Amino acid sequence: MGRGAAAPGAAGLHLVDGVALLRPEEQVFTAMLDGWRAQQLARNLAFTTIEKRLNAVRAFVAHADTLPWSWRPQMLDDWLGDLRAVRGLRRSTIRNYSSTVAAFCDYLTDPAYHWVVECERRFGSHPVQVVHEWNSAVHVQDAEGDPSRRAFTIDELQALFDHADEQVARVRAAGRKGWLALFRDATLLKVAYGFGLRRTEIAMIDLVDFGTNPHAPEFGEFGVCRVRYGKAKKGSAPKPRSVLTVWPWTAEVLEQWVREARPLMPGAGSPALWPSERGQRITTSAVNKRLTEYRRALGFGPGLDFHSLRRSYVTHLIEDGWDPLFVQQQVGHEHASTTAIYTCVSSDFRTRTLRRALDDTMRAAVRPERTG
């Protein structure tokens, strides 16, 4: 940006100076949102992130029934209290809404964007920061997820996969349509666990995203899974990574799906590993729906969601003695502390670890000292 040029999102770029507005309050607020969108685009934030933020601001305006140059901290108190008490939103969601309003106020009150001057001239009032430490939720711990969320036990995981396979066999034996979709979903659940993938990551996998691992030729062409749509940081593109196959059965179920079942799908010409019956690629909502259906049929609680497959992957690798750094790199965590949050080791594993440590201590204590 050259010297003297207006910053992206400045009031002068979204309101024509000297032109009377027919609906000044409505038009100025619309210009503010447009300006904030431009400012966030200049910061390279994702379109989805920007739209969610704009919607949050619109929701606050609707609840407060007033526009930003008339906002007061008490209005935020009322809104956040309503979200918590009436709508029952989670603490993390409420904190995100609060942070969004704070960011919008920071933008409006920044002298670089001239909204304070513009509002004073037009309305005799100006925006102020309404989010403070005393009226907003704080982030007090590293992991604030729902405590009911957990990993599958080995028995639960086996029951889930068995149930999925039984649905395929039942529908196919009855000569009904839909067994291919059930076969696809059963395989998808196994592969999501087998590589520790998130919903979007598994849904966006293509056939070409698999390759051989020269250090593990026994897995054939399914030795490596290239995840191209890994979870992105704010303002960044999806973070790619390569996940190595660790269990032989993962390659086997992929081989069966790709060679035998997938060619029979209506969308077999799609590049996607999981074509849908009506489009090129299965949606994340369809993935969620299938797991929820199976979970309820098996009587499992809501704490076992799709992400529990990823939690299980981390947990079971750690329990099997895999190096924690390897597990961290497999799931694409930047910090080991993040992987630790996902680790839900069983009481059996903890007991075995304690017993091994105690036995090593006792052996060292009774070992005769070496004499010269």
Protein backbone atom coordinates (compact mmCIF):
# COMPACT_ATOMS: atom_id res chain seq x y z
CA MET A 1 0.00 0.00 0.00
CA GLY A 2 1.53 3.29 -1.06
CA ARG A 3 2.03 6.31 1.18
CA GLY A 4 -1.25 8.15 1.69
CA ALA A 5 -3.37 5.29 0.36
CA ALA A 6 -6.37 4.19 2.44
CA ALA A 7 -6.06 0.92 4.31
CA PRO A 8 -8.29 -1.94 3.10
CA GLY A 9 -11.56 -1.54 4.99
CA ALA A 10 -11.27 2.22 5.54
CA ALA A 11 -14.56 4.13 5.73
CA GLY A 12 -13.68 6.30 2.75
CA LEU A 13 -13.51 3.25 0.50
CA HIS A 14 -17.06 2.16 1.35
CA LEU A 15 -18.89 5.47 1.78
CA VAL A 16 -18.85 8.21 -0.84
CA ASP A 17 -17.94 11.50 0.80
CA GLY A 18 -20.45 14.31 0.38
CA VAL A 19 -23.29 12.07 -0.83
CA ALA A 20 -26.45 12.02 1.29
CA LEU A 21 -27.68 8.57 2.29
CA LEU A 22 -31.35 7.60 2.04
CA ARG A 23 -31.10 5.19 4.98
CA PRO A 24 -27.95 6.39 6.75
CA GLU A 25 -27.95 4.03 9.75
CA GLU A 26 -28.60 0.90 7.69
CA GLN A 27 -26.18 1.91 4.92
CA VAL A 28 -23.35 2.87 7.28
CA PHE A 29 -23.66 -0.45 9.14
CA THR A 30 -23.60 -2.34 5.82
CA ALA A 31 -20.51 -0.35 4.83
CA MET A 32 -18.87 -1.28 8.14
CA LEU A 33 -19.43 -4.97 7.48
CA ASP A 34 -18.13 -4.61 3.93
CA GLY A 35 -15.08 -2.79 5.22
CA TRP A 36 -14.39 -5.42 7.88
CA ARG A 37 -14.73 -8.13 5.24
CA ALA A 38 -12.14 -6.32 3.08
CA GLN A 39 -9.80 -5.87 6.06
CA GLN A 40 -9.99 -9.58 6.90
CA LEU A 41 -9.47 -10.58 3.28
CA ALA A 42 -6.34 -8.43 3.28
CA ARG A 43 -5.18 -10.48 6.28
CA ASN A 44 -5.74 -13.67 4.25
CA LEU A 45 -8.44 -15.10 6.51
CA ALA A 46 -10.58 -17.89 5.07
CA PHE A 47 -13.89 -16.95 3.46
CA THR A 48 -15.77 -19.28 5.80
CA THR A 49 -14.14 -17.70 8.86
CA ILE A 50 -15.05 -14.20 7.65
CA GLU A 51 -18.67 -15.12 6.95
CA LYS A 52 -19.08 -16.72 10.38
CA ARG A 53 -17.70 -13.58 12.02
CA LEU A 54 -20.04 -11.31 10.06
CA ASN A 55 -23.01 -13.47 11.00
CA ALA A 56 -22.03 -13.27 14.67
CA VAL A 57 -21.97 -9.46 14.50
CA ARG A 58 -25.37 -9.43 12.77
CA ALA A 59 -26.74 -11.69 15.52
CA PHE A 60 -25.47 -9.29 18.21
CA VAL A 61 -27.06 -6.34 16.40
CA ALA A 62 -30.37 -8.20 16.20
CA HIS A 63 -30.29 -9.02 19.92
CA ALA A 64 -29.16 -5.54 21.06
CA ASP A 65 -31.56 -3.88 18.60
CA THR A 66 -29.07 -1.09 18.06
CA LEU A 67 -26.08 -0.37 15.86
CA PRO A 68 -22.33 -0.25 16.74
CA TRP A 69 -22.08 3.48 17.51
CA SER A 70 -24.69 2.93 20.26
CA TRP A 71 -23.36 -0.31 21.73
CA ARG A 72 -22.66 -0.56 25.47
CA PRO A 73 -20.96 -3.33 27.49
CA GLN A 74 -24.24 -4.21 29.22
CA MET A 75 -25.70 -5.20 25.86
CA LEU A 76 -22.96 -7.77 25.41
CA ASP A 77 -23.65 -9.09 28.92
CA ASP A 78 -27.29 -9.63 28.03
CA TRP A 79 -26.48 -11.32 24.74
CA LEU A 80 -23.89 -13.72 26.11
CA GLY A 81 -26.16 -14.54 29.05
CA ASP A 82 -28.99 -15.34 26.66
CA LEU A 83 -26.74 -17.57 24.55
CA ARG A 84 -25.67 -19.49 27.63
CA ALA A 85 -28.90 -19.72 29.64
CA VAL A 86 -31.56 -19.86 26.93
CA ARG A 87 -29.85 -21.40 23.92
CA GLY A 88 -27.48 -23.58 25.94
CA LEU A 89 -24.39 -22.90 23.81
CA ARG A 90 -21.02 -24.23 24.89
CA ARG A 91 -18.48 -22.04 26.66
CA SER A 92 -16.08 -22.27 23.72
CA THR A 93 -18.79 -21.09 21.30
CA ILE A 94 -19.74 -18.16 23.53
CA ARG A 95 -16.08 -17.21 23.85
CA ASN A 96 -15.76 -17.23 20.05
CA TYR A 97 -18.76 -14.91 19.72
CA SER A 98 -17.30 -12.59 22.35
CA SER A 99 -13.91 -12.56 20.60
CA THR A 100 -15.60 -11.79 17.29
CA VAL A 101 -17.41 -8.76 18.68
CA ALA A 102 -14.15 -7.61 20.29
CA ALA A 103 -12.32 -7.90 16.95
CA PHE A 104 -15.07 -5.95 15.18
CA CYS A 105 -14.90 -3.18 17.80
CA ASP A 106 -11.11 -3.07 17.48
CA TYR A 107 -11.53 -2.58 13.74
CA LEU A 108 -14.14 0.18 14.13
CA THR A 109 -12.15 2.10 16.76
CA ASP A 110 -8.80 1.87 14.96
CA PRO A 111 -7.92 5.39 13.69
CA ALA A 112 -6.58 3.89 10.47
CA TYR A 113 -10.11 3.11 9.29
CA HIS A 114 -11.78 6.46 10.22
CA TRP A 115 -15.07 4.97 11.42
CA VAL A 116 -15.03 6.97 14.67
CA VAL A 117 -14.83 10.26 12.77
CA GLU A 118 -17.45 9.14 10.26
CA CYS A 119 -19.95 8.14 12.97
CA GLU A 120 -19.39 11.32 15.00
CA ARG A 121 -20.09 13.41 11.90
CA ARG A 122 -23.23 11.51 10.93
CA PHE A 123 -24.74 10.40 14.27
CA GLY A 124 -23.08 12.42 16.99
CA SER A 125 -21.77 9.21 18.57
CA HIS A 126 -19.05 6.69 17.82
CA PRO A 127 -18.20 2.99 18.38
CA VAL A 128 -16.34 1.94 21.53
CA GLN A 129 -14.89 -1.37 22.69
CA VAL A 130 -17.66 -3.21 24.57
CA VAL A 131 -15.75 -6.43 25.33
CA HIS A 132 -13.64 -6.36 28.49
CA GLU A 133 -12.15 -8.88 30.92
CA TRP A 134 -15.02 -8.39 33.34
CA ASN A 135 -17.82 -9.17 30.86
CA SER A 136 -16.37 -11.88 28.62
CA ALA A 137 -15.52 -15.55 28.99
CA VAL A 138 -11.84 -16.32 29.45
CA HIS A 139 -9.87 -19.33 28.25
CA VAL A 140 -8.70 -20.86 31.52
CA GLN A 141 -7.35 -24.23 30.44
CA ASP A 142 -5.70 -25.91 27.44
CA ALA A 143 -8.54 -28.33 26.68
CA GLU A 144 -12.10 -27.19 27.12
CA GLY A 145 -13.83 -29.84 25.05
CA ASP A 146 -16.93 -31.67 26.15
CA PRO A 147 -15.75 -34.09 28.87
CA SER A 148 -18.13 -36.75 27.52
CA ARG A 149 -16.07 -37.02 24.31
CA ARG A 150 -13.71 -39.98 24.43
CA ALA A 151 -12.03 -42.71 22.41
CA PHE A 152 -13.65 -46.03 21.54
CA THR A 153 -12.44 -49.02 23.47
CA ILE A 154 -11.17 -51.92 21.37
CA ASP A 155 -14.40 -53.84 22.04
CA GLU A 156 -16.59 -50.86 21.08
CA LEU A 157 -14.60 -50.31 17.93
CA GLN A 158 -14.92 -53.96 16.95
CA ALA A 159 -18.67 -53.83 17.63
CA LEU A 160 -18.99 -50.74 15.42
CA PHE A 161 -17.14 -52.32 12.51
CA ASP A 162 -19.02 -55.60 12.89
CA HIS A 163 -22.34 -53.77 12.89
CA ALA A 164 -21.38 -51.83 9.75
CA ASP A 165 -20.42 -55.07 7.97
CA GLU A 166 -23.65 -56.73 9.08
CA GLN A 167 -25.70 -53.97 7.45
CA VAL A 168 -23.93 -54.59 4.15
CA ALA A 169 -24.55 -58.34 4.32
CA ARG A 170 -28.19 -57.91 5.37
CA VAL A 171 -29.14 -55.49 2.59
CA ARG A 172 -27.21 -57.36 -0.08
CA ALA A 173 -28.74 -60.71 0.90
CA ALA A 174 -32.22 -59.15 0.65
CA GLY A 175 -31.46 -58.04 -2.90
CA ARG A 176 -32.09 -54.41 -2.02
CA LYS A 177 -30.39 -51.34 -3.36
CA GLY A 178 -28.01 -49.44 -1.15
CA TRP A 179 -25.56 -52.15 -0.17
CA LEU A 180 -22.76 -50.41 -2.08
CA ALA A 181 -23.28 -47.21 -0.10
CA LEU A 182 -23.25 -49.22 3.11
CA PHE A 183 -20.07 -50.98 1.97
CA ARG A 184 -18.50 -47.61 1.22
CA ASP A 185 -19.43 -46.22 4.64
CA ALA A 186 -18.22 -49.32 6.49
CA THR A 187 -14.86 -49.06 4.72
CA LEU A 188 -14.69 -45.30 5.28
CA LEU A 189 -15.11 -45.70 9.05
CA LYS A 190 -12.34 -48.30 9.16
CA VAL A 191 -9.98 -46.19 7.05
CA ALA A 192 -10.69 -43.04 9.10
CA TYR A 193 -9.62 -44.97 12.20
CA GLY A 194 -6.76 -46.71 10.38
CA PHE A 195 -5.12 -43.37 9.52
CA GLY A 196 -6.49 -41.18 12.36
CA LEU A 197 -8.29 -38.80 10.00
CA ARG A 198 -10.76 -35.99 10.64
CA ARG A 199 -14.11 -35.84 8.82
CA THR A 200 -13.03 -33.37 6.14
CA GLU A 201 -9.71 -35.14 5.67
CA ILE A 202 -11.33 -38.51 5.00
CA ALA A 203 -14.08 -37.06 2.78
CA MET A 204 -11.56 -35.20 0.58
CA ILE A 205 -9.23 -38.16 -0.05
CA ASP A 206 -8.80 -39.03 -3.74
CA LEU A 207 -7.65 -42.28 -5.32
CA VAL A 208 -4.34 -40.67 -6.27
CA ASP A 209 -3.59 -39.77 -2.65
CA PHE A 210 -2.19 -43.22 -1.89
CA GLY A 211 1.27 -44.45 -2.66
CA THR A 212 3.85 -47.04 -1.77
CA ASN A 213 6.15 -46.87 1.22
CA PRO A 214 9.56 -48.22 0.14
CA HIS A 215 10.32 -49.06 3.77
CA ALA A 216 7.11 -51.10 4.12
CA PRO A 217 6.51 -52.82 0.76
CA GLU A 218 4.10 -55.30 2.35
CA PHE A 219 1.38 -52.62 2.24
CA GLY A 220 1.60 -52.39 -1.54
CA GLU A 221 0.24 -49.22 -3.10
CA PHE A 222 -1.52 -48.26 0.11
CA GLY A 223 1.57 -47.71 2.25
CA VAL A 224 1.18 -43.93 2.46
CA CYS A 225 -1.92 -41.72 2.59
CA ARG A 226 -1.36 -38.12 1.50
CA VAL A 227 -3.76 -35.86 3.39
CA ARG A 228 -4.14 -32.68 1.36
CA TYR A 229 -6.95 -31.08 3.35
CA GLY A 230 -5.52 -31.17 6.84
CA LYS A 231 -6.85 -28.75 9.44
CA ALA A 232 -5.65 -25.24 8.66
CA LYS A 233 -4.60 -22.49 10.99
CA LYS A 234 -6.58 -19.26 10.78
CA GLY A 235 -5.70 -17.38 7.62
CA SER A 236 -3.76 -20.30 6.16
CA ALA A 237 -4.37 -22.89 3.49
CA PRO A 238 -5.12 -26.51 4.47
CA LYS A 239 -2.09 -28.15 6.05
CA PRO A 240 -0.98 -31.25 4.10
CA ARG A 241 0.79 -34.23 5.62
CA SER A 242 1.61 -37.84 4.80
CA VAL A 243 0.32 -40.61 7.07
CA LEU A 244 2.07 -43.98 6.98
CA THR A 245 0.05 -47.18 7.10
CA VAL A 246 0.71 -49.02 10.36
CA TRP A 247 -1.77 -51.91 10.34
CA PRO A 248 -1.94 -54.52 7.54
CA TRP A 249 -5.75 -54.70 7.68
CA THR A 250 -5.97 -51.02 6.63
CA ALA A 251 -4.35 -51.79 3.28
CA GLU A 252 -6.51 -54.90 2.91
CA VAL A 253 -9.85 -53.09 3.31
CA LEU A 254 -8.70 -50.35 0.94
CA GLU A 255 -7.65 -52.93 -1.63
CA GLN A 256 -11.06 -54.63 -1.47
CA TRP A 257 -12.94 -51.34 -1.78
CA VAL A 258 -10.89 -49.96 -4.66
CA ARG A 259 -10.64 -53.20 -6.67
CA GLU A 260 -14.03 -54.83 -6.06
CA ALA A 261 -16.72 -52.50 -4.77
CA ARG A 262 -15.92 -48.95 -5.86
CA PRO A 263 -16.02 -49.73 -9.63
CA LEU A 264 -19.71 -50.66 -9.16
CA MET A 265 -20.63 -47.23 -7.73
CA PRO A 266 -22.60 -44.80 -9.96
CA GLY A 267 -19.90 -42.17 -9.40
CA ALA A 268 -16.97 -44.49 -10.10
CA GLY A 269 -15.61 -41.99 -12.64
CA SER A 270 -15.05 -39.44 -9.90
CA PRO A 271 -11.50 -38.89 -8.64
CA ALA A 272 -12.82 -39.18 -5.06
CA LEU A 273 -12.08 -42.29 -3.04
CA TRP A 274 -15.64 -42.16 -1.69
CA PRO A 275 -18.06 -41.20 -4.50
CA SER A 276 -21.67 -40.65 -3.50
CA GLU A 277 -24.75 -42.02 -5.21
CA ARG A 278 -25.77 -38.54 -6.43
CA GLY A 279 -22.51 -36.65 -6.75
CA GLN A 280 -18.79 -36.92 -7.08
CA ARG A 281 -17.96 -37.03 -3.39
CA ILE A 282 -19.56 -37.98 -0.11
CA THR A 283 -20.29 -35.07 2.24
CA THR A 284 -19.12 -34.72 5.84
CA SER A 285 -22.76 -34.51 6.94
CA ALA A 286 -23.43 -37.92 5.36
CA VAL A 287 -20.38 -39.32 7.17
CA ASN A 288 -21.67 -37.95 10.48
CA LYS A 289 -25.18 -39.22 9.87
CA ARG A 290 -24.02 -42.80 9.26
CA LEU A 291 -21.87 -42.97 12.38
CA THR A 292 -24.65 -41.46 14.50
CA GLU A 293 -27.08 -44.06 13.16
CA TYR A 294 -24.74 -46.94 14.04
CA ARG A 295 -23.83 -45.47 17.42
CA ARG A 296 -27.48 -45.26 18.44
CA ALA A 297 -28.22 -48.76 17.14
CA LEU A 298 -25.42 -50.10 19.34
CA GLY A 299 -26.54 -48.12 22.39
CA PHE A 300 -23.36 -46.05 22.56
CA GLY A 301 -23.56 -42.61 24.14
CA PRO A 302 -23.14 -39.29 22.28
CA GLY A 303 -19.60 -38.99 23.65
CA LEU A 304 -18.53 -41.33 20.86
CA ASP A 305 -18.60 -39.14 17.76
CA PHE A 306 -16.69 -39.29 14.48
CA HIS A 307 -13.70 -37.58 16.05
CA SER A 308 -13.57 -40.45 18.54
CA LEU A 309 -12.09 -42.58 15.75
CA ARG A 310 -9.13 -40.18 15.69
CA ARG A 311 -8.89 -40.22 19.48
CA SER A 312 -8.91 -44.01 19.34
CA TYR A 313 -6.12 -44.07 16.75
CA VAL A 314 -3.85 -41.98 18.99
CA THR A 315 -4.78 -43.91 22.11
CA HIS A 316 -4.29 -47.37 20.64
CA LEU A 317 -0.94 -46.53 19.05
CA ILE A 318 0.35 -45.16 22.37
CA GLU A 319 -0.97 -48.22 24.20
CA ASP A 320 0.79 -50.48 21.70
CA GLY A 321 4.09 -48.79 22.49
CA TRP A 322 4.55 -46.61 19.39
CA ASP A 323 6.87 -43.64 19.81
CA PRO A 324 4.87 -40.54 20.87
CA LEU A 325 6.73 -38.35 18.34
CA PHE A 326 5.76 -40.72 15.53
CA VAL A 327 2.12 -40.58 16.64
CA GLN A 328 2.25 -36.79 16.83
CA GLN A 329 3.57 -36.58 13.26
CA GLN A 330 1.02 -39.10 11.99
CA VAL A 331 -1.93 -37.01 13.18
CA GLY A 332 -0.33 -33.70 12.19
CA HIS A 333 -0.11 -32.02 15.58
CA GLU A 334 2.42 -29.21 15.86
CA HIS A 335 2.86 -29.72 19.60
CA ALA A 336 3.13 -32.91 21.65
CA SER A 337 0.78 -31.37 24.23
CA THR A 338 -2.02 -31.42 21.65
CA THR A 339 -1.50 -35.13 21.02
CA ALA A 340 -1.52 -35.71 24.77
CA ILE A 341 -5.03 -34.23 24.97
CA TYR A 342 -6.19 -36.87 22.48
CA THR A 343 -4.61 -39.72 24.40
CA CYS A 344 -7.17 -41.61 26.47
CA VAL A 345 -5.09 -44.57 27.59
CA SER A 346 -7.02 -47.33 29.31
CA SER A 347 -6.65 -48.35 32.93
CA ASP A 348 -5.16 -51.67 31.74
CA PHE A 349 -2.38 -49.81 29.96
CA ARG A 350 -1.69 -47.65 33.01
CA THR A 351 -1.62 -50.74 35.22
CA ARG A 352 0.79 -52.54 32.88
CA THR A 353 3.04 -49.48 32.73
CA LEU A 354 3.10 -49.19 36.52
CA ARG A 355 3.75 -52.91 36.95
CA ARG A 356 6.63 -52.82 34.44
CA ALA A 357 8.21 -49.85 36.21
CA LEU A 358 7.86 -51.51 39.63
CA ASP A 359 9.32 -54.78 38.35
CA ASP A 360 12.29 -52.95 36.81
CA THR A 361 12.87 -51.17 40.12
CA MET A 362 12.76 -54.43 42.09
CA ARG A 363 15.14 -56.19 39.68
CA ALA A 364 17.58 -53.31 39.96
CA ALA A 365 17.34 -53.41 43.77
CA VAL A 366 18.08 -57.14 44.09
CA ARG A 367 20.70 -57.29 41.33
CA PRO A 368 24.03 -58.21 42.94
CA GLU A 369 26.60 -55.49 42.77
CA ARG A 370 29.47 -56.15 40.43
CA THR A 371 32.75 -56.53 42.28
CA GLY A 372 36.16 -55.76 40.90
